[in-house]
């Protein structure tokens, strides 16, 4: 499973939280990608 953590951050605090969430997921052996809203894909392939 891969988790996409998408954030919007004006001052950087929310970005830090997004990276912390991703780090916690990785600690549990879950692949996590962190991207800003501007870089996020418009659609996702969510097939299992």
Protein backbone atom coordinates (compact mmCIF):
# COMPACT_ATOMS: atom_id res chain seq x y z
CA UNK A 1 0.00 0.00 0.00
CA UNK A 2 1.15 3.52 -0.76
CA UNK A 3 -0.23 6.56 1.02
CA UNK A 4 -0.21 9.98 -0.60
CA UNK A 5 0.02 12.80 1.95
CA UNK A 6 -1.05 16.06 0.32
CA UNK A 7 -0.50 19.39 2.04
CA UNK A 8 -1.04 23.11 1.53
CA UNK A 9 1.22 25.28 3.63
CA UNK A 10 1.80 29.01 3.60
CA UNK A 11 4.43 29.23 6.36
CA UNK A 12 5.73 25.65 6.32
CA UNK A 13 4.13 24.32 9.50
CA UNK A 14 1.58 22.13 7.75
CA UNK A 15 4.33 20.78 5.50
CA UNK A 16 6.28 19.74 8.58
CA UNK A 17 3.21 17.93 9.92
CA UNK A 18 2.74 16.19 6.56
CA UNK A 19 6.33 14.93 6.66
CA UNK A 20 5.87 13.79 10.27
CA UNK A 21 2.74 11.84 9.28
CA UNK A 22 4.66 10.22 6.42
CA UNK A 23 7.54 9.35 8.75
CA UNK A 24 5.12 7.66 11.15
CA UNK A 25 3.66 5.65 8.29
CA UNK A 26 7.13 4.62 7.14
CA UNK A 27 7.95 3.50 10.68
CA UNK A 28 5.06 1.07 10.28
CA UNK A 29 6.45 -0.13 6.92
CA UNK A 30 3.89 1.78 4.83
CA UNK A 31 5.18 3.56 1.75
CA UNK A 32 4.31 7.26 1.95
CA UNK A 33 4.73 10.07 -0.53
CA UNK A 34 4.47 13.73 0.46
CA UNK A 35 3.49 16.34 -2.12
CA UNK A 36 2.10 19.83 -2.12
CA UNK A 37 -1.35 20.49 -3.52
CA UNK A 38 0.30 22.12 -6.54
CA UNK A 39 2.26 18.92 -7.27
CA UNK A 40 -0.51 16.44 -6.44
CA UNK A 41 -2.02 14.44 -9.26
CA UNK A 42 -5.55 15.38 -10.28
CA UNK A 43 -6.59 11.73 -10.38
CA UNK A 44 -5.37 8.60 -8.65
CA UNK A 45 -5.34 4.99 -9.73
CA UNK A 46 -6.79 3.32 -6.64
CA UNK A 47 -7.13 -0.19 -7.98
CA UNK A 48 -6.23 -2.85 -5.45
